Amino acid sequence: MPDQTQKPKTKAQDDPKQATEDAGDPRQAALQKKAQDRKDGDAGAPGAAAASQLIGRNCKDAAQYVKLIQKYPDEKDAILEQLGAKMPDVAKQVASQIGEGDSDADGGDKKDDDKQGFDGKANVDAAGAANVELDYTSGKNSAAGTATVTDGKNYEVGATGTRQLTDSTSVTAGVDRTVADGTATNKATLGADYKSDKLAASGEVDVSKQQGASGVGLDVTGGATATLKDGKLYGSVIGGVGTDDDGLHYHFGGGLTITPTEHTALTAAGVMDNQGGIDLRLQYDVFKDKVSGAGDLDDAKKNAMLSLFVGYKKGDGMMSGSPLDDSMGANPAQQQGSGVYAGVKLSF
């Protein structure tokens, strides 16, 4: 006996014309293919698909991605790769928590926590002042020694030690001896740093004793660099306040940095002190490693392969040294009076 059961008709069976239009509509076909590809992809890589959804919601909770990797261990590399491309800071946290600190979670640049060895650089400016720096790194600990000689009556020597607490934070302690016009100053320092792609910040407390001074000097300084436009524009601020035998003193300033490429930067910066002294500087830097964030830029400036700078100083407080020197990574020669200065710094 013939089967009397009738199957429900589809919209296309009810309307042959509509079926023909859907089949011939390239937009409809593309949408159907995209939906099918998404289903196939989610089925073949559920962990990466779930990570993609979290990234799309701007989820920065590293624990969520760690759970995905633990659930889908075969997709670890895929999850870290897409996370590193969109949220490198979170990717570093995830890599650290799962014991993959040397992975490509930062988007391709591997970090070697077991790095050991010496490094150094030296430069001589147009006035003949010489600066030498030596660094030693062993795992998360590092040490550095510096010496700057202007002439027989003006020089500085120092040593510092640093401990990396996390991928983003570190603490530093050091001692320093500076001789300016034959007068010596001894200083002890304690500082901390935070670095990420979006923000780099540092703070420092110095206790010093100058030859012939009746009291002890105290200075608190800090600075920060923030990403204003990813990979292109950065803004920075610096400031400090302190006291010594001459009373209270302070300074403040800032600057803008443009990075035309990942290995070059042009910075315009300025600083002013409480006595009206100023230091205005334009500096062009060439870096060995690529710069992809505020934390990279902060380090790269202090270790640039080549720095070309020109500036103008006014005021007694700026002649022997400027608050810009450390943040810009270059130390112009000591000046005898207000005026224009220029120099070149080469590192090896």
C-alpha atoms as a PDB file:
ATOM      1  CA  MET A   1       0.000   0.000   0.000  1.00  0.00           C
ATOM      2  CA  PRO A   2       1.484   3.359  -0.943  1.00  0.00           C
ATOM      3  CA  ASP A   3       2.907   5.486   1.891  1.00  0.00           C
ATOM      4  CA  GLN A   4       0.255   8.084   2.677  1.00  0.00           C
ATOM      5  CA  THR A   5       2.502  10.055   5.096  1.00  0.00           C
ATOM      6  CA  GLN A   6       3.128  13.557   3.814  1.00  0.00           C
ATOM      7  CA  LYS A   7       6.340  15.377   4.691  1.00  0.00           C
ATOM      8  CA  PRO A   8       6.047  19.085   5.507  1.00  0.00           C
ATOM      9  CA  LYS A   9       6.956  21.243   2.597  1.00  0.00           C
ATOM     10  CA  THR A  10       9.839  23.661   2.788  1.00  0.00           C
ATOM     11  CA  LYS A  11       9.573  27.293   1.812  1.00  0.00           C
ATOM     12  CA  ALA A  12      11.431  26.504  -1.386  1.00  0.00           C
ATOM     13  CA  GLN A  13       8.974  23.696  -2.276  1.00  0.00           C
ATOM     14  CA  ASP A  14       6.048  26.008  -1.628  1.00  0.00           C
ATOM     15  CA  ASP A  15       7.655  28.729  -3.717  1.00  0.00           C
ATOM     16  CA  PRO A  16       9.883  27.387  -6.537  1.00  0.00           C
ATOM     17  CA  LYS A  17      10.652  30.936  -7.620  1.00  0.00           C
ATOM     18  CA  GLN A  18      12.081  31.788  -4.169  1.00  0.00           C
ATOM     19  CA  ALA A  19      14.241  28.634  -4.236  1.00  0.00           C
ATOM     20  CA  THR A  20      15.660  29.672  -7.593  1.00  0.00           C
ATOM     21  CA  GLU A  21      16.400  33.194  -6.335  1.00  0.00           C
ATOM     22  CA  ASP A  22      18.174  31.908  -3.161  1.00  0.00           C
ATOM     23  CA  ALA A  23      20.279  29.478  -5.168  1.00  0.00           C
ATOM     24  CA  GLY A  24      21.345  32.172  -7.600  1.00  0.00           C
ATOM     25  CA  ASP A  25      21.956  34.928  -5.017  1.00  0.00           C
ATOM     26  CA  PRO A  26      25.745  35.106  -4.353  1.00  0.00           C
ATOM     27  CA  ARG A  27      25.216  37.017  -1.087  1.00  0.00           C
ATOM     28  CA  GLN A  28      22.936  34.326   0.287  1.00  0.00           C
ATOM     29  CA  ALA A  29      25.417  31.627  -0.746  1.00  0.00           C
ATOM     30  CA  ALA A  30      28.291  33.486   0.937  1.00  0.00           C
ATOM     31  CA  LEU A  31      26.354  33.830   4.189  1.00  0.00           C
ATOM     32  CA  GLN A  32      25.519  30.134   4.193  1.00  0.00           C
ATOM     33  CA  LYS A  33      29.153  29.197   3.542  1.00  0.00           C
ATOM     34  CA  LYS A  34      30.382  31.516   6.307  1.00  0.00           C
ATOM     35  CA  ALA A  35      27.944  29.979   8.783  1.00  0.00           C
ATOM     36  CA  GLN A  36      29.012  26.463   7.797  1.00  0.00           C
ATOM     37  CA  ASP A  37      32.724  27.348   8.053  1.00  0.00           C
ATOM     38  CA  ARG A  38      32.138  28.759  11.522  1.00  0.00           C
ATOM     39  CA  LYS A  39      30.412  25.574  12.606  1.00  0.00           C
ATOM     40  CA  ASP A  40      33.208  23.452  11.149  1.00  0.00           C
ATOM     41  CA  GLY A  41      35.891  25.599  12.803  1.00  0.00           C
ATOM     42  CA  ASP A  42      34.209  25.554  16.194  1.00  0.00           C
ATOM     43  CA  ALA A  43      33.854  21.795  15.961  1.00  0.00           C
ATOM     44  CA  GLY A  44      37.504  21.284  14.970  1.00  0.00           C
ATOM     45  CA  ALA A  45      39.060  23.763  17.447  1.00  0.00           C
ATOM     46  CA  PRO A  46      36.611  24.443  20.288  1.00  0.00           C
ATOM     47  CA  GLY A  47      39.294  25.879  22.595  1.00  0.00           C
ATOM     48  CA  ALA A  48      40.545  28.424  20.059  1.00  0.00           C
ATOM     49  CA  ALA A  49      36.931  29.302  19.184  1.00  0.00           C
ATOM     50  CA  ALA A  50      36.093  29.890  22.852  1.00  0.00           C
ATOM     51  CA  ALA A  51      39.249  31.996  23.267  1.00  0.00           C
ATOM     52  CA  SER A  52      38.262  34.048  20.238  1.00  0.00           C
ATOM     53  CA  GLN A  53      34.874  34.756  21.835  1.00  0.00           C
ATOM     54  CA  LEU A  54      36.538  35.887  25.086  1.00  0.00           C
ATOM     55  CA  ILE A  55      38.901  38.151  23.170  1.00  0.00           C
ATOM     56  CA  GLY A  56      35.953  39.560  21.236  1.00  0.00           C
ATOM     57  CA  ARG A  57      34.348  40.488  24.563  1.00  0.00           C
ATOM     58  CA  ASN A  58      37.650  42.135  25.637  1.00  0.00           C
ATOM     59  CA  CYS A  59      38.049  39.672  28.522  1.00  0.00           C
ATOM     60  CA  LYS A  60      41.381  40.299  30.282  1.00  0.00           C
ATOM     61  CA  ASP A  61      41.001  37.628  32.974  1.00  0.00           C
ATOM     62  CA  ALA A  62      44.057  35.399  32.448  1.00  0.00           C
ATOM     63  CA  ALA A  63      42.459  32.617  34.502  1.00  0.00           C
ATOM     64  CA  GLN A  64      39.763  32.135  31.842  1.00  0.00           C
ATOM     65  CA  TYR A  65      42.346  31.423  29.144  1.00  0.00           C
ATOM     66  CA  VAL A  66      44.363  29.173  31.453  1.00  0.00           C
ATOM     67  CA  LYS A  67      41.224  27.056  32.015  1.00  0.00           C
ATOM     68  CA  LEU A  68      40.742  26.758  28.246  1.00  0.00           C
ATOM     69  CA  ILE A  69      44.337  25.616  27.737  1.00  0.00           C
ATOM     70  CA  GLN A  70      43.985  23.081  30.551  1.00  0.00           C
ATOM     71  CA  LYS A  71      40.775  21.773  28.965  1.00  0.00           C
ATOM     72  CA  TYR A  72      42.166  21.770  25.408  1.00  0.00           C
ATOM     73  CA  PRO A  73      45.955  21.281  25.804  1.00  0.00           C
ATOM     74  CA  ASP A  74      46.394  20.458  22.096  1.00  0.00           C
ATOM     75  CA  GLU A  75      45.222  23.974  21.258  1.00  0.00           C
ATOM     76  CA  LYS A  76      47.616  25.768  23.618  1.00  0.00           C
ATOM     77  CA  ASP A  77      49.763  27.283  20.841  1.00  0.00           C
ATOM     78  CA  ALA A  78      46.743  28.465  18.854  1.00  0.00           C
ATOM     79  CA  ILE A  79      45.155  30.091  21.905  1.00  0.00           C
ATOM     80  CA  LEU A  80      48.386  31.842  22.932  1.00  0.00           C
ATOM     81  CA  GLU A  81      49.020  33.001  19.382  1.00  0.00           C
ATOM     82  CA  GLN A  82      45.672  34.734  18.918  1.00  0.00           C
ATOM     83  CA  LEU A  83      45.776  36.094  22.465  1.00  0.00           C
ATOM     84  CA  GLY A  84      49.298  37.462  21.909  1.00  0.00           C
ATOM     85  CA  ALA A  85      48.179  39.248  18.754  1.00  0.00           C
ATOM     86  CA  LYS A  86      45.332  41.071  20.518  1.00  0.00           C
ATOM     87  CA  MET A  87      46.259  41.223  24.225  1.00  0.00           C
ATOM     88  CA  PRO A  88      50.016  40.687  24.654  1.00  0.00           C
ATOM     89  CA  ASP A  89      49.997  41.632  28.344  1.00  0.00           C
ATOM     90  CA  VAL A  90      47.330  39.038  29.126  1.00  0.00           C
ATOM     91  CA  ALA A  91      49.139  36.495  26.942  1.00  0.00           C
ATOM     92  CA  LYS A  92      52.301  36.958  29.012  1.00  0.00           C
ATOM     93  CA  GLN A  93      50.348  36.371  32.221  1.00  0.00           C
ATOM     94  CA  VAL A  94      48.801  33.215  30.796  1.00  0.00           C
ATOM     95  CA  ALA A  95      52.149  31.934  29.522  1.00  0.00           C
ATOM     96  CA  SER A  96      53.709  32.556  32.933  1.00  0.00           C
ATOM     97  CA  GLN A  97      50.898  30.733  34.771  1.00  0.00           C
ATOM     98  CA  ILE A  98      51.139  27.650  32.568  1.00  0.00           C
ATOM     99  CA  GLY A  99      54.941  27.596  32.713  1.00  0.00           C
ATOM    100  CA  GLU A 100      55.538  28.832  29.167  1.00  0.00           C
ATOM    101  CA  GLY A 101      57.446  32.016  29.969  1.00  0.00           C
ATOM    102  CA  ASP A 102      59.747  31.559  26.953  1.00  0.00           C
ATOM    103  CA  SER A 103      56.909  31.031  24.483  1.00  0.00           C
ATOM    104  CA  ASP A 104      55.795  33.312  21.661  1.00  0.00           C
ATOM    105  CA  ALA A 105      52.900  34.620  23.745  1.00  0.00           C
ATOM    106  CA  ASP A 106      54.193  38.182  23.360  1.00  0.00           C
ATOM    107  CA  GLY A 107      53.485  38.082  19.639  1.00  0.00           C
ATOM    108  CA  GLY A 108      56.813  36.702  18.425  1.00  0.00           C
ATOM    109  CA  ASP A 109      59.622  38.141  20.557  1.00  0.00           C
ATOM    110  CA  LYS A 110      60.855  35.422  22.921  1.00  0.00           C
ATOM    111  CA  LYS A 111      62.092  36.348  26.360  1.00  0.00           C
ATOM    112  CA  ASP A 112      64.850  34.279  27.879  1.00  0.00           C
ATOM    113  CA  ASP A 113      64.464  34.148  31.670  1.00  0.00           C
ATOM    114  CA  ASP A 114      67.703  32.131  31.830  1.00  0.00           C
ATOM    115  CA  LYS A 115      69.742  34.780  30.017  1.00  0.00           C
ATOM    116  CA  GLN A 116      73.248  35.233  31.413  1.00  0.00           C
ATOM    117  CA  GLY A 117      76.179  37.340  30.403  1.00  0.00           C
ATOM    118  CA  PHE A 118      77.725  40.791  30.122  1.00  0.00           C
ATOM    119  CA  ASP A 119      76.784  43.768  27.990  1.00  0.00           C
ATOM    120  CA  GLY A 120      78.210  47.243  27.709  1.00  0.00           C
ATOM    121  CA  LYS A 121      78.111  50.580  25.956  1.00  0.00           C
ATOM    122  CA  ALA A 122      80.160  53.748  25.772  1.00  0.00           C
ATOM    123  CA  ASN A 123      79.784  57.178  24.271  1.00  0.00           C
ATOM    124  CA  VAL A 124      81.756  60.394  23.935  1.00  0.00           C
ATOM    125  CA  ASP A 125      79.958  63.650  23.193  1.00  0.00           C
ATOM    126  CA  ALA A 126      81.179  66.663  21.247  1.00  0.00           C
ATOM    127  CA  ALA A 127      82.699  68.255  24.376  1.00  0.00           C
ATOM    128  CA  GLY A 128      84.771  65.172  25.202  1.00  0.00           C
ATOM    129  CA  ALA A 129      82.785  63.858  28.167  1.00  0.00           C
ATOM    130  CA  ALA A 130      82.950  60.050  28.321  1.00  0.00           C
ATOM    131  CA  ASN A 131      80.413  57.573  29.667  1.00  0.00           C
ATOM    132  CA  VAL A 132      80.841  53.806  30.110  1.00  0.00           C
ATOM    133  CA  GLU A 133      78.226  51.292  31.287  1.00  0.00           C
ATOM    134  CA  LEU A 134      78.658  47.583  32.026  1.00  0.00           C
ATOM    135  CA  ASP A 135      75.753  45.223  32.759  1.00  0.00           C
ATOM    136  CA  TYR A 136      75.541  41.635  33.973  1.00  0.00           C
ATOM    137  CA  THR A 137      72.365  39.548  33.864  1.00  0.00           C
ATOM    138  CA  SER A 138      71.658  36.175  35.444  1.00  0.00           C
ATOM    139  CA  GLY A 139      68.059  34.987  35.263  1.00  0.00           C
ATOM    140  CA  LYS A 140      65.831  37.467  37.057  1.00  0.00           C
ATOM    141  CA  ASN A 141      68.750  39.248  38.731  1.00  0.00           C
ATOM    142  CA  SER A 142      70.979  41.872  37.154  1.00  0.00           C
ATOM    143  CA  ALA A 143      73.742  44.277  38.133  1.00  0.00           C
ATOM    144  CA  ALA A 144      75.172  47.356  36.461  1.00  0.00           C
ATOM    145  CA  GLY A 145      78.141  49.640  36.857  1.00  0.00           C
ATOM    146  CA  THR A 146      78.502  53.119  35.361  1.00  0.00           C
ATOM    147  CA  ALA A 147      81.222  55.736  35.093  1.00  0.00           C
ATOM    148  CA  THR A 148      80.951  59.221  33.605  1.00  0.00           C
ATOM    149  CA  VAL A 149      83.994  61.493  33.411  1.00  0.00           C
ATOM    150  CA  THR A 150      83.818  65.114  32.309  1.00  0.00           C
ATOM    151  CA  ASP A 151      87.221  66.223  33.601  1.00  0.00           C
ATOM    152  CA  GLY A 152      89.435  65.766  36.643  1.00  0.00           C
ATOM    153  CA  LYS A 153      87.040  67.605  38.951  1.00  0.00           C
ATOM    154  CA  ASN A 154      83.756  66.199  37.617  1.00  0.00           C
ATOM    155  CA  TYR A 155      82.914  62.519  37.467  1.00  0.00           C
ATOM    156  CA  GLU A 156      80.355  59.956  38.618  1.00  0.00           C
ATOM    157  CA  VAL A 157      80.614  56.251  39.426  1.00  0.00           C
ATOM    158  CA  GLY A 158      77.866  53.940  40.613  1.00  0.00           C
ATOM    159  CA  ALA A 159      76.537  50.401  40.926  1.00  0.00           C
ATOM    160  CA  THR A 160      72.996  49.012  41.020  1.00  0.00           C
ATOM    161  CA  GLY A 161      71.302  45.660  41.509  1.00  0.00           C
ATOM    162  CA  THR A 162      67.849  44.714  40.201  1.00  0.00           C
ATOM    163  CA  ARG A 163      65.432  41.904  40.988  1.00  0.00           C
ATOM    164  CA  GLN A 164      62.600  41.065  38.552  1.00  0.00           C
ATOM    165  CA  LEU A 165      59.545  40.254  40.691  1.00  0.00           C
ATOM    166  CA  THR A 166      57.081  39.579  37.843  1.00  0.00           C
ATOM    167  CA  ASP A 167      57.023  40.043  34.082  1.00  0.00           C
ATOM    168  CA  SER A 168      55.898  43.639  34.677  1.00  0.00           C
ATOM    169  CA  THR A 169      57.467  44.766  37.962  1.00  0.00           C
ATOM    170  CA  SER A 170      60.976  45.029  39.382  1.00  0.00           C
ATOM    171  CA  VAL A 171      62.828  46.612  42.315  1.00  0.00           C
ATOM    172  CA  THR A 172      66.262  48.221  42.275  1.00  0.00           C
ATOM    173  CA  ALA A 173      68.818  49.293  44.887  1.00  0.00           C
ATOM    174  CA  GLY A 174      72.064  51.114  44.288  1.00  0.00           C
ATOM    175  CA  VAL A 175      74.892  53.344  45.489  1.00  0.00           C
ATOM    176  CA  ASP A 176      76.519  56.263  43.706  1.00  0.00           C
ATOM    177  CA  ARG A 177      79.357  58.741  44.163  1.00  0.00           C
ATOM    178  CA  THR A 178      79.394  62.028  42.267  1.00  0.00           C
ATOM    179  CA  VAL A 179      82.146  64.639  42.285  1.00  0.00           C
ATOM    180  CA  ALA A 180      81.186  68.076  40.937  1.00  0.00           C
ATOM    181  CA  ASP A 181      83.829  70.822  40.988  1.00  0.00           C
ATOM    182  CA  GLY A 182      85.768  68.806  43.550  1.00  0.00           C
ATOM    183  CA  THR A 183      82.831  68.343  45.946  1.00  0.00           C
ATOM    184  CA  ALA A 184      81.739  64.752  46.542  1.00  0.00           C
ATOM    185  CA  THR A 185      78.193  63.478  47.119  1.00  0.00           C
ATOM    186  CA  ASN A 186      77.395  59.911  48.181  1.00  0.00           C
ATOM    187  CA  LYS A 187      73.920  58.529  47.523  1.00  0.00           C
ATOM    188  CA  ALA A 188      71.845  55.415  48.224  1.00  0.00           C
ATOM    189  CA  THR A 189      68.793  54.607  46.095  1.00  0.00           C
ATOM    190  CA  LEU A 190      65.720  52.385  46.245  1.00  0.00           C
ATOM    191  CA  GLY A 191      63.295  52.223  43.317  1.00  0.00           C
ATOM    192  CA  ALA A 192      60.536  50.260  41.601  1.00  0.00           C
ATOM    193  CA  ASP A 193      59.378  49.913  37.984  1.00  0.00           C
ATOM    194  CA  TYR A 194      56.229  48.772  36.203  1.00  0.00           C
ATOM    195  CA  LYS A 195      56.194  48.083  32.453  1.00  0.00           C
ATOM    196  CA  SER A 196      53.457  46.990  30.049  1.00  0.00           C
ATOM    197  CA  ASP A 197      52.507  47.724  26.456  1.00  0.00           C
ATOM    198  CA  LYS A 198      50.182  50.527  27.516  1.00  0.00           C
ATOM    199  CA  LEU A 199      52.080  52.044  30.448  1.00  0.00           C
ATOM    200  CA  ALA A 200      55.569  52.287  31.897  1.00  0.00           C
ATOM    201  CA  ALA A 201      55.966  53.886  35.334  1.00  0.00           C
ATOM    202  CA  SER A 202      58.811  54.219  37.817  1.00  0.00           C
ATOM    203  CA  GLY A 203      59.501  55.754  41.198  1.00  0.00           C
ATOM    204  CA  GLU A 204      62.658  56.290  43.234  1.00  0.00           C
ATOM    205  CA  VAL A 205      63.724  57.448  46.684  1.00  0.00           C
ATOM    206  CA  ASP A 206      67.265  58.803  47.148  1.00  0.00           C
ATOM    207  CA  VAL A 207      69.092  59.562  50.371  1.00  0.00           C
ATOM    208  CA  SER A 208      72.298  61.540  49.932  1.00  0.00           C
ATOM    209  CA  LYS A 209      75.081  63.179  51.902  1.00  0.00           C
ATOM    210  CA  GLN A 210      77.135  65.957  50.369  1.00  0.00           C
ATOM    211  CA  GLN A 211      80.655  66.782  51.472  1.00  0.00           C
ATOM    212  CA  GLY A 212      80.495  69.743  53.865  1.00  0.00           C
ATOM    213  CA  ALA A 213      76.690  69.643  54.199  1.00  0.00           C
ATOM    214  CA  SER A 214      75.170  69.772  57.663  1.00  0.00           C
ATOM    215  CA  GLY A 215      72.212  67.531  56.870  1.00  0.00           C
ATOM    216  CA  VAL A 216      71.091  64.624  54.734  1.00  0.00           C
ATOM    217  CA  GLY A 217      69.310  65.176  51.440  1.00  0.00           C
ATOM    218  CA  LEU A 218      66.103  63.384  50.474  1.00  0.00           C
ATOM    219  CA  ASP A 219      64.623  63.198  46.960  1.00  0.00           C
ATOM    220  CA  VAL A 220      61.530  61.448  45.598  1.00  0.00           C
ATOM    221  CA  THR A 221      61.219  61.248  41.810  1.00  0.00           C
ATOM    222  CA  GLY A 222      58.949  59.504  39.354  1.00  0.00           C
ATOM    223  CA  GLY A 223      57.896  59.299  35.746  1.00  0.00           C
ATOM    224  CA  ALA A 224      55.512  57.563  33.382  1.00  0.00           C
ATOM    225  CA  THR A 225      55.137  56.884  29.661  1.00  0.00           C
ATOM    226  CA  ALA A 226      51.730  56.041  28.196  1.00  0.00           C
ATOM    227  CA  THR A 227      50.664  54.825  24.770  1.00  0.00           C
ATOM    228  CA  LEU A 228      48.493  57.474  23.112  1.00  0.00           C
ATOM    229  CA  LYS A 229      48.222  55.735  19.741  1.00  0.00           C
ATOM    230  CA  ASP A 230      49.327  52.111  19.421  1.00  0.00           C
ATOM    231  CA  GLY A 231      52.734  51.857  17.838  1.00  0.00           C
ATOM    232  CA  LYS A 232      52.880  55.513  16.767  1.00  0.00           C
ATOM    233  CA  LEU A 233      52.557  58.094  19.547  1.00  0.00           C
ATOM    234  CA  TYR A 234      53.516  58.146  23.233  1.00  0.00           C
ATOM    235  CA  GLY A 235      53.275  60.762  25.982  1.00  0.00           C
ATOM    236  CA  SER A 236      55.512  61.039  29.038  1.00  0.00           C
ATOM    237  CA  VAL A 237      55.662  62.966  32.309  1.00  0.00           C
ATOM    238  CA  ILE A 238      58.423  63.336  34.900  1.00  0.00           C
ATOM    239  CA  GLY A 239      58.565  65.053  38.262  1.00  0.00           C
ATOM    240  CA  GLY A 240      60.328  65.168  41.579  1.00  0.00           C
ATOM    241  CA  VAL A 241      60.540  66.905  44.926  1.00  0.00           C
ATOM    242  CA  GLY A 242      63.257  66.963  47.573  1.00  0.00           C
ATOM    243  CA  THR A 243      64.981  68.793  50.376  1.00  0.00           C
ATOM    244  CA  ASP A 244      68.583  69.540  51.374  1.00  0.00           C
ATOM    245  CA  ASP A 245      70.589  72.309  53.076  1.00  0.00           C
ATOM    246  CA  ASP A 246      69.299  74.799  50.500  1.00  0.00           C
ATOM    247  CA  GLY A 247      65.663  73.996  51.280  1.00  0.00           C
ATOM    248  CA  LEU A 248      62.871  72.565  49.162  1.00  0.00           C
ATOM    249  CA  HIS A 249      63.375  71.966  45.443  1.00  0.00           C
ATOM    250  CA  TYR A 250      61.270  70.391  42.698  1.00  0.00           C
ATOM    251  CA  HIS A 251      60.997  69.877  38.933  1.00  0.00           C
ATOM    252  CA  PHE A 252      58.360  68.781  36.451  1.00  0.00           C
ATOM    253  CA  GLY A 253      58.146  68.169  32.714  1.00  0.00           C
ATOM    254  CA  GLY A 254      57.026  65.926  29.906  1.00  0.00           C
ATOM    255  CA  GLY A 255      57.292  65.101  26.247  1.00  0.00           C
ATOM    256  CA  LEU A 256      55.887  63.450  23.147  1.00  0.00           C
ATOM    257  CA  THR A 257      57.482  60.630  21.154  1.00  0.00           C
ATOM    258  CA  ILE A 258      56.683  59.628  17.582  1.00  0.00           C
ATOM    259  CA  THR A 259      57.865  56.221  16.333  1.00  0.00           C
ATOM    260  CA  PRO A 260      58.039  56.334  12.500  1.00  0.00           C
ATOM    261  CA  THR A 261      59.165  52.691  12.511  1.00  0.00           C
ATOM    262  CA  GLU A 262      59.526  49.935  15.107  1.00  0.00           C
ATOM    263  CA  HIS A 263      63.246  50.730  15.402  1.00  0.00           C
ATOM    264  CA  THR A 264      63.292  54.559  15.447  1.00  0.00           C
ATOM    265  CA  ALA A 265      61.846  57.364  17.569  1.00  0.00           C
ATOM    266  CA  LEU A 266      61.758  61.152  17.581  1.00  0.00           C
ATOM    267  CA  THR A 267      61.169  62.805  20.957  1.00  0.00           C
ATOM    268  CA  ALA A 268      60.513  66.423  21.929  1.00  0.00           C
ATOM    269  CA  ALA A 269      60.721  66.948  25.689  1.00  0.00           C
ATOM    270  CA  GLY A 270      61.192  69.658  28.280  1.00  0.00           C
ATOM    271  CA  VAL A 271      61.598  70.128  32.019  1.00  0.00           C
ATOM    272  CA  MET A 272      61.521  73.092  34.427  1.00  0.00           C
ATOM    273  CA  ASP A 273      62.741  73.451  38.013  1.00  0.00           C
ATOM    274  CA  ASN A 274      61.654  75.650  40.937  1.00  0.00           C
ATOM    275  CA  GLN A 275      64.334  78.264  40.137  1.00  0.00           C
ATOM    276  CA  GLY A 276      63.113  78.803  36.594  1.00  0.00           C
ATOM    277  CA  GLY A 277      65.748  76.621  34.968  1.00  0.00           C
ATOM    278  CA  ILE A 278      64.719  74.802  31.793  1.00  0.00           C
ATOM    279  CA  ASP A 279      66.014  72.053  29.524  1.00  0.00           C
ATOM    280  CA  LEU A 280      64.375  71.678  26.105  1.00  0.00           C
ATOM    281  CA  ARG A 281      65.515  68.767  23.945  1.00  0.00           C
ATOM    282  CA  LEU A 282      64.864  67.175  20.549  1.00  0.00           C
ATOM    283  CA  GLN A 283      66.285  63.660  20.190  1.00  0.00           C
ATOM    284  CA  TYR A 284      66.306  61.017  17.454  1.00  0.00           C
ATOM    285  CA  ASP A 285      66.995  57.397  18.485  1.00  0.00           C
ATOM    286  CA  VAL A 286      67.759  54.210  16.575  1.00  0.00           C
ATOM    287  CA  PHE A 287      67.024  50.945  18.424  1.00  0.00           C
ATOM    288  CA  LYS A 288      68.371  47.445  17.963  1.00  0.00           C
ATOM    289  CA  ASP A 289      65.153  45.746  19.116  1.00  0.00           C
ATOM    290  CA  LYS A 290      61.703  46.662  17.873  1.00  0.00           C
ATOM    291  CA  VAL A 291      59.430  48.865  19.989  1.00  0.00           C
ATOM    292  CA  SER A 292      55.794  47.795  20.266  1.00  0.00           C
ATOM    293  CA  GLY A 293      54.635  49.476  23.477  1.00  0.00           C
ATOM    294  CA  ALA A 294      55.322  51.958  26.264  1.00  0.00           C
ATOM    295  CA  GLY A 295      57.417  49.482  28.257  1.00  0.00           C
ATOM    296  CA  ASP A 296      59.582  48.698  25.227  1.00  0.00           C
ATOM    297  CA  LEU A 297      60.087  52.391  24.460  1.00  0.00           C
ATOM    298  CA  ASP A 298      61.167  53.201  28.013  1.00  0.00           C
ATOM    299  CA  ASP A 299      63.897  50.532  27.889  1.00  0.00           C
ATOM    300  CA  ALA A 300      64.878  51.157  24.259  1.00  0.00           C
ATOM    301  CA  LYS A 301      65.647  54.830  24.836  1.00  0.00           C
ATOM    302  CA  LYS A 302      68.096  54.022  27.594  1.00  0.00           C
ATOM    303  CA  ASN A 303      69.802  51.393  25.417  1.00  0.00           C
ATOM    304  CA  ALA A 304      69.582  52.982  21.958  1.00  0.00           C
ATOM    305  CA  MET A 305      72.284  52.073  19.436  1.00  0.00           C
ATOM    306  CA  LEU A 306      72.401  55.669  18.222  1.00  0.00           C
ATOM    307  CA  SER A 307      71.052  58.902  19.703  1.00  0.00           C
ATOM    308  CA  LEU A 308      71.325  62.322  18.081  1.00  0.00           C
ATOM    309  CA  PHE A 309      70.204  65.235  20.238  1.00  0.00           C
ATOM    310  CA  VAL A 310      70.087  69.016  20.284  1.00  0.00           C
ATOM    311  CA  GLY A 311      68.708  71.236  23.016  1.00  0.00           C
ATOM    312  CA  TYR A 312      68.740  74.436  25.014  1.00  0.00           C
ATOM    313  CA  LYS A 313      69.457  74.873  28.731  1.00  0.00           C
ATOM    314  CA  LYS A 314      68.980  77.808  31.080  1.00  0.00           C
ATOM    315  CA  GLY A 315      69.521  78.045  34.833  1.00  0.00           C
ATOM    316  CA  ASP A 316      72.274  76.910  37.210  1.00  0.00           C
ATOM    317  CA  GLY A 317      70.323  73.817  38.272  1.00  0.00           C
ATOM    318  CA  MET A 318      70.397  72.375  34.739  1.00  0.00           C
ATOM    319  CA  MET A 319      74.077  72.924  33.918  1.00  0.00           C
ATOM    320  CA  SER A 320      75.659  69.898  35.629  1.00  0.00           C
ATOM    321  CA  GLY A 321      72.770  67.530  34.953  1.00  0.00           C
ATOM    322  CA  SER A 322      69.149  67.570  33.881  1.00  0.00           C
ATOM    323  CA  PRO A 323      66.166  65.464  34.957  1.00  0.00           C
ATOM    324  CA  LEU A 324      65.762  64.641  31.250  1.00  0.00           C
ATOM    325  CA  ASP A 325      69.080  62.791  31.103  1.00  0.00           C
ATOM    326  CA  ASP A 326      67.840  59.540  32.608  1.00  0.00           C
ATOM    327  CA  SER A 327      64.495  59.377  30.788  1.00  0.00           C
ATOM    328  CA  MET A 328      66.082  60.247  27.426  1.00  0.00           C
ATOM    329  CA  GLY A 329      69.041  57.896  27.892  1.00  0.00           C
ATOM    330  CA  ALA A 330      71.647  60.514  26.936  1.00  0.00           C
ATOM    331  CA  ASN A 331      73.832  62.776  29.076  1.00  0.00           C
ATOM    332  CA  PRO A 332      74.980  66.018  27.423  1.00  0.00           C
ATOM    333  CA  ALA A 333      78.259  67.523  28.558  1.00  0.00           C
ATOM    334  CA  GLN A 334      78.239  69.816  31.572  1.00  0.00           C
ATOM    335  CA  GLN A 335      77.731  73.435  30.510  1.00  0.00           C
ATOM    336  CA  GLN A 336      79.230  76.571  32.018  1.00  0.00           C
ATOM    337  CA  GLY A 337      76.241  78.733  31.132  1.00  0.00           C
ATOM    338  CA  SER A 338      72.890  78.894  29.395  1.00  0.00           C
ATOM    339  CA  GLY A 339      72.829  78.070  25.714  1.00  0.00           C
ATOM    340  CA  VAL A 340      72.403  75.487  22.971  1.00  0.00           C
ATOM    341  CA  TYR A 341      73.970  72.021  23.204  1.00  0.00           C
ATOM    342  CA  ALA A 342      74.197  69.018  20.902  1.00  0.00           C
ATOM    343  CA  GLY A 343      75.653  65.538  20.981  1.00  0.00           C
ATOM    344  CA  VAL A 344      75.784  61.968  19.723  1.00  0.00           C
ATOM    345  CA  LYS A 345      75.544  58.779  21.767  1.00  0.00           C
ATOM    346  CA  LEU A 346      76.740  55.446  20.366  1.00  0.00           C
ATOM    347  CA  SER A 347      76.293  52.102  22.139  1.00  0.00           C
ATOM    348  CA  PHE A 348      77.998  48.783  21.518  1.00  0.00           C
END
